[in-house]
Amino acid sequence: MASGEWDCHVRCPACGEEITLGARLRTDMKRMVLGFDLAPVHAHIAEHHPESDT
């Protein structure tokens, strides 16, 4: 089983601030699974855009 971890940088569509997400790739039994840690996005929205319902 191979795996890798890296950072993925995205920008908030509302304010343009860069948000860094942790990403992880796993390969197992002929499958590749890519997962992102979305907690930084939720934290950014809660802190900088509390008026948003999402």
PDB file of N, CA and C in Angstrom:
ATOM      1  N   MET A   1       0.848  -1.183   0.000  1.00  0.00           N
ATOM      2  CA  MET A   1       0.000   0.000   0.000  1.00  0.00           C
ATOM      3  C   MET A   1       0.889   1.239   0.000  1.00  0.00           C
ATOM      4  N   ALA A   2       0.664   2.139  -0.910  1.00  0.00           N
ATOM      5  CA  ALA A   2       1.399   3.393  -0.985  1.00  0.00           C
ATOM      6  C   ALA A   2       0.527   4.522  -0.479  1.00  0.00           C
ATOM      7  N   SER A   3       1.158   5.546   0.037  1.00  0.00           N
ATOM      8  CA  SER A   3       0.392   6.704   0.496  1.00  0.00           C
ATOM      9  C   SER A   3       1.262   7.944   0.376  1.00  0.00           C
ATOM     10  N   GLY A   4       0.618   9.087   0.455  1.00  0.00           N
ATOM     11  CA  GLY A   4       1.326  10.355   0.411  1.00  0.00           C
ATOM     12  C   GLY A   4       0.490  11.436   1.061  1.00  0.00           C
ATOM     13  N   GLU A   5       1.167  12.426   1.596  1.00  0.00           N
ATOM     14  CA  GLU A   5       0.478  13.558   2.214  1.00  0.00           C
ATOM     15  C   GLU A   5       1.081  14.842   1.678  1.00  0.00           C
ATOM     16  N   TRP A   6       0.234  15.828   1.443  1.00  0.00           N
ATOM     17  CA  TRP A   6       0.692  17.130   1.005  1.00  0.00           C
ATOM     18  C   TRP A   6      -0.357  18.165   1.337  1.00  0.00           C
ATOM     19  N   ASP A   7      -0.020  19.426   1.084  1.00  0.00           N
ATOM     20  CA  ASP A   7      -0.947  20.530   1.312  1.00  0.00           C
ATOM     21  C   ASP A   7      -1.556  20.960  -0.012  1.00  0.00           C
ATOM     22  N   CYS A   8      -2.814  21.272   0.035  1.00  0.00           N
ATOM     23  CA  CYS A   8      -3.538  21.775  -1.128  1.00  0.00           C
ATOM     24  C   CYS A   8      -4.015  23.188  -0.777  1.00  0.00           C
ATOM     25  N   HIS A   9      -3.737  24.148  -1.634  1.00  0.00           N
ATOM     26  CA  HIS A   9      -4.101  25.536  -1.364  1.00  0.00           C
ATOM     27  C   HIS A   9      -5.310  25.929  -2.212  1.00  0.00           C
ATOM     28  N   VAL A  10      -6.324  26.458  -1.545  1.00  0.00           N
ATOM     29  CA  VAL A  10      -7.522  26.952  -2.207  1.00  0.00           C
ATOM     30  C   VAL A  10      -7.775  28.385  -1.748  1.00  0.00           C
ATOM     31  N   ARG A  11      -8.619  29.078  -2.452  1.00  0.00           N
ATOM     32  CA  ARG A  11      -8.977  30.448  -2.069  1.00  0.00           C
ATOM     33  C   ARG A  11     -10.460  30.507  -1.732  1.00  0.00           C
ATOM     34  N   CYS A  12     -10.769  31.302  -0.714  1.00  0.00           N
ATOM     35  CA  CYS A  12     -12.154  31.526  -0.332  1.00  0.00           C
ATOM     36  C   CYS A  12     -12.822  32.331  -1.452  1.00  0.00           C
ATOM     37  N   PRO A  13     -13.952  31.864  -1.983  1.00  0.00           N
ATOM     38  CA  PRO A  13     -14.600  32.611  -3.062  1.00  0.00           C
ATOM     39  C   PRO A  13     -15.177  33.952  -2.611  1.00  0.00           C
ATOM     40  N   ALA A  14     -15.430  34.103  -1.311  1.00  0.00           N
ATOM     41  CA  ALA A  14     -16.019  35.352  -0.813  1.00  0.00           C
ATOM     42  C   ALA A  14     -14.981  36.452  -0.617  1.00  0.00           C
ATOM     43  N   CYS A  15     -13.806  36.095  -0.053  1.00  0.00           N
ATOM     44  CA  CYS A  15     -12.832  37.141   0.272  1.00  0.00           C
ATOM     45  C   CYS A  15     -11.477  36.944  -0.402  1.00  0.00           C
ATOM     46  N   GLY A  16     -11.243  35.794  -1.013  1.00  0.00           N
ATOM     47  CA  GLY A  16      -9.991  35.563  -1.726  1.00  0.00           C
ATOM     48  C   GLY A  16      -8.829  35.131  -0.850  1.00  0.00           C
ATOM     49  N   GLU A  17      -9.052  34.953   0.436  1.00  0.00           N
ATOM     50  CA  GLU A  17      -7.964  34.534   1.324  1.00  0.00           C
ATOM     51  C   GLU A  17      -7.588  33.084   1.037  1.00  0.00           C
ATOM     52  N   GLU A  18      -6.290  32.813   1.064  1.00  0.00           N
ATOM     53  CA  GLU A  18      -5.814  31.448   0.820  1.00  0.00           C
ATOM     54  C   GLU A  18      -6.060  30.574   2.037  1.00  0.00           C
ATOM     55  N   ILE A  19      -6.562  29.367   1.797  1.00  0.00           N
ATOM     56  CA  ILE A  19      -6.823  28.386   2.847  1.00  0.00           C
ATOM     57  C   ILE A  19      -6.034  27.133   2.496  1.00  0.00           C
ATOM     58  N   THR A  20      -5.275  26.609   3.442  1.00  0.00           N
ATOM     59  CA  THR A  20      -4.470  25.415   3.210  1.00  0.00           C
ATOM     60  C   THR A  20      -5.184  24.195   3.768  1.00  0.00           C
ATOM     61  N   LEU A  21      -5.390  23.212   2.905  1.00  0.00           N
ATOM     62  CA  LEU A  21      -6.032  21.968   3.297  1.00  0.00           C
ATOM     63  C   LEU A  21      -4.998  20.852   3.304  1.00  0.00           C
ATOM     64  N   GLY A  22      -5.095  19.973   4.268  1.00  0.00           N
ATOM     65  CA  GLY A  22      -4.268  18.782   4.259  1.00  0.00           C
ATOM     66  C   GLY A  22      -4.900  17.761   3.322  1.00  0.00           C
ATOM     67  N   ALA A  23      -4.097  17.133   2.484  1.00  0.00           N
ATOM     68  CA  ALA A  23      -4.601  16.129   1.548  1.00  0.00           C
ATOM     69  C   ALA A  23      -3.821  14.838   1.758  1.00  0.00           C
ATOM     70  N   ARG A  24      -4.490  13.736   1.517  1.00  0.00           N
ATOM     71  CA  ARG A  24      -3.863  12.437   1.696  1.00  0.00           C
ATOM     72  C   ARG A  24      -4.291  11.504   0.577  1.00  0.00           C
ATOM     73  N   LEU A  25      -3.329  10.831  -0.015  1.00  0.00           N
ATOM     74  CA  LEU A  25      -3.588   9.872  -1.076  1.00  0.00           C
ATOM     75  C   LEU A  25      -3.237   8.485  -0.569  1.00  0.00           C
ATOM     76  N   ARG A  26      -4.162   7.561  -0.781  1.00  0.00           N
ATOM     77  CA  ARG A  26      -3.938   6.157  -0.442  1.00  0.00           C
ATOM     78  C   ARG A  26      -4.217   5.308  -1.668  1.00  0.00           C
ATOM     79  N   THR A  27      -3.401   4.333  -1.899  1.00  0.00           N
ATOM     80  CA  THR A  27      -3.690   3.356  -2.933  1.00  0.00           C
ATOM     81  C   THR A  27      -3.733   1.993  -2.271  1.00  0.00           C
ATOM     82  N   ASP A  28      -4.787   1.276  -2.543  1.00  0.00           N
ATOM     83  CA  ASP A  28      -4.960  -0.032  -1.933  1.00  0.00           C
ATOM     84  C   ASP A  28      -5.880  -0.857  -2.816  1.00  0.00           C
ATOM     85  N   MET A  29      -5.480  -2.055  -3.143  1.00  0.00           N
ATOM     86  CA  MET A  29      -6.293  -2.987  -3.927  1.00  0.00           C
ATOM     87  C   MET A  29      -6.820  -2.335  -5.207  1.00  0.00           C
ATOM     88  N   LYS A  30      -5.925  -1.761  -5.989  1.00  0.00           N
ATOM     89  CA  LYS A  30      -6.232  -1.161  -7.293  1.00  0.00           C
ATOM     90  C   LYS A  30      -7.144   0.058  -7.196  1.00  0.00           C
ATOM     91  N   ARG A  31      -7.221   0.679  -6.036  1.00  0.00           N
ATOM     92  CA  ARG A  31      -8.020   1.893  -5.872  1.00  0.00           C
ATOM     93  C   ARG A  31      -7.127   3.022  -5.386  1.00  0.00           C
ATOM     94  N   MET A  32      -7.433   4.207  -5.841  1.00  0.00           N
ATOM     95  CA  MET A  32      -6.763   5.391  -5.311  1.00  0.00           C
ATOM     96  C   MET A  32      -7.810   6.217  -4.577  1.00  0.00           C
ATOM     97  N   VAL A  33      -7.521   6.546  -3.343  1.00  0.00           N
ATOM     98  CA  VAL A  33      -8.451   7.311  -2.521  1.00  0.00           C
ATOM     99  C   VAL A  33      -7.762   8.618  -2.148  1.00  0.00           C
ATOM    100  N   LEU A  34      -8.392   9.722  -2.487  1.00  0.00           N
ATOM    101  CA  LEU A  34      -7.866  11.045  -2.172  1.00  0.00           C
ATOM    102  C   LEU A  34      -8.800  11.701  -1.169  1.00  0.00           C
ATOM    103  N   GLY A  35      -8.270  12.091  -0.039  1.00  0.00           N
ATOM    104  CA  GLY A  35      -9.086  12.719   0.990  1.00  0.00           C
ATOM    105  C   GLY A  35      -8.546  14.087   1.361  1.00  0.00           C
ATOM    106  N   PHE A  36      -9.444  15.010   1.638  1.00  0.00           N
ATOM    107  CA  PHE A  36      -9.074  16.363   2.039  1.00  0.00           C
ATOM    108  C   PHE A  36      -9.616  16.634   3.431  1.00  0.00           C
ATOM    109  N   ASP A  37      -8.828  17.311   4.244  1.00  0.00           N
ATOM    110  CA  ASP A  37      -9.268  17.766   5.553  1.00  0.00           C
ATOM    111  C   ASP A  37      -9.952  19.115   5.345  1.00  0.00           C
ATOM    112  N   LEU A  38     -11.272  19.147   5.453  1.00  0.00           N
ATOM    113  CA  LEU A  38     -12.032  20.372   5.196  1.00  0.00           C
ATOM    114  C   LEU A  38     -12.231  21.236   6.437  1.00  0.00           C
ATOM    115  N   ALA A  39     -11.683  20.833   7.567  1.00  0.00           N
ATOM    116  CA  ALA A  39     -11.829  21.611   8.797  1.00  0.00           C
ATOM    117  C   ALA A  39     -11.325  23.050   8.641  1.00  0.00           C
ATOM    118  N   PRO A  40     -10.205  23.313   7.942  1.00  0.00           N
ATOM    119  CA  PRO A  40      -9.779  24.708   7.772  1.00  0.00           C
ATOM    120  C   PRO A  40     -10.800  25.563   7.021  1.00  0.00           C
ATOM    121  N   VAL A  41     -11.529  24.990   6.091  1.00  0.00           N
ATOM    122  CA  VAL A  41     -12.556  25.738   5.359  1.00  0.00           C
ATOM    123  C   VAL A  41     -13.694  26.113   6.300  1.00  0.00           C
ATOM    124  N   HIS A  42     -14.149  25.145   7.091  1.00  0.00           N
ATOM    125  CA  HIS A  42     -15.237  25.417   8.035  1.00  0.00           C
ATOM    126  C   HIS A  42     -14.814  26.441   9.088  1.00  0.00           C
ATOM    127  N   ALA A  43     -13.574  26.351   9.553  1.00  0.00           N
ATOM    128  CA  ALA A  43     -13.069  27.316  10.535  1.00  0.00           C
ATOM    129  C   ALA A  43     -12.989  28.718   9.928  1.00  0.00           C
ATOM    130  N   HIS A  44     -12.543  28.821   8.684  1.00  0.00           N
ATOM    131  CA  HIS A  44     -12.451  30.117   8.014  1.00  0.00           C
ATOM    132  C   HIS A  44     -13.834  30.745   7.858  1.00  0.00           C
ATOM    133  N   ILE A  45     -14.798  29.945   7.428  1.00  0.00           N
ATOM    134  CA  ILE A  45     -16.161  30.464   7.249  1.00  0.00           C
ATOM    135  C   ILE A  45     -16.739  30.929   8.576  1.00  0.00           C
ATOM    136  N   ALA A  46     -16.558  30.151   9.626  1.00  0.00           N
ATOM    137  CA  ALA A  46     -17.085  30.519  10.944  1.00  0.00           C
ATOM    138  C   ALA A  46     -16.435  31.794  11.474  1.00  0.00           C
ATOM    139  N   GLU A  47     -15.144  31.951  11.214  1.00  0.00           N
ATOM    140  CA  GLU A  47     -14.423  33.110  11.752  1.00  0.00           C
ATOM    141  C   GLU A  47     -14.594  34.373  10.908  1.00  0.00           C
ATOM    142  N   HIS A  48     -14.530  34.241   9.588  1.00  0.00           N
ATOM    143  CA  HIS A  48     -14.532  35.414   8.720  1.00  0.00           C
ATOM    144  C   HIS A  48     -15.873  35.733   8.070  1.00  0.00           C
ATOM    145  N   HIS A  49     -16.762  34.765   8.013  1.00  0.00           N
ATOM    146  CA  HIS A  49     -18.052  34.966   7.355  1.00  0.00           C
ATOM    147  C   HIS A  49     -19.184  34.397   8.211  1.00  0.00           C
ATOM    148  N   PRO A  50     -19.346  34.872   9.433  1.00  0.00           N
ATOM    149  CA  PRO A  50     -20.376  34.298  10.311  1.00  0.00           C
ATOM    150  C   PRO A  50     -21.796  34.533   9.807  1.00  0.00           C
ATOM    151  N   GLU A  51     -21.992  35.473   8.892  1.00  0.00           N
ATOM    152  CA  GLU A  51     -23.329  35.727   8.377  1.00  0.00           C
ATOM    153  C   GLU A  51     -23.793  34.641   7.425  1.00  0.00           C
ATOM    154  N   SER A  52     -22.849  33.821   6.940  1.00  0.00           N
ATOM    155  CA  SER A  52     -23.183  32.734   6.024  1.00  0.00           C
ATOM    156  C   SER A  52     -23.831  31.590   6.788  1.00  0.00           C
ATOM    157  N   ASP A  53     -24.838  30.956   6.187  1.00  0.00           N
ATOM    158  CA  ASP A  53     -25.530  29.837   6.839  1.00  0.00           C
ATOM    159  C   ASP A  53     -24.861  28.507   6.562  1.00  0.00           C
ATOM    160  N   THR A  54     -23.901  28.441   5.623  1.00  0.00           N
ATOM    161  CA  THR A  54     -23.283  27.165   5.261  1.00  0.00           C
ATOM    162  C   THR A  54     -22.166  26.785   6.169  1.00  0.00           C
TER     163      THR A  54
END
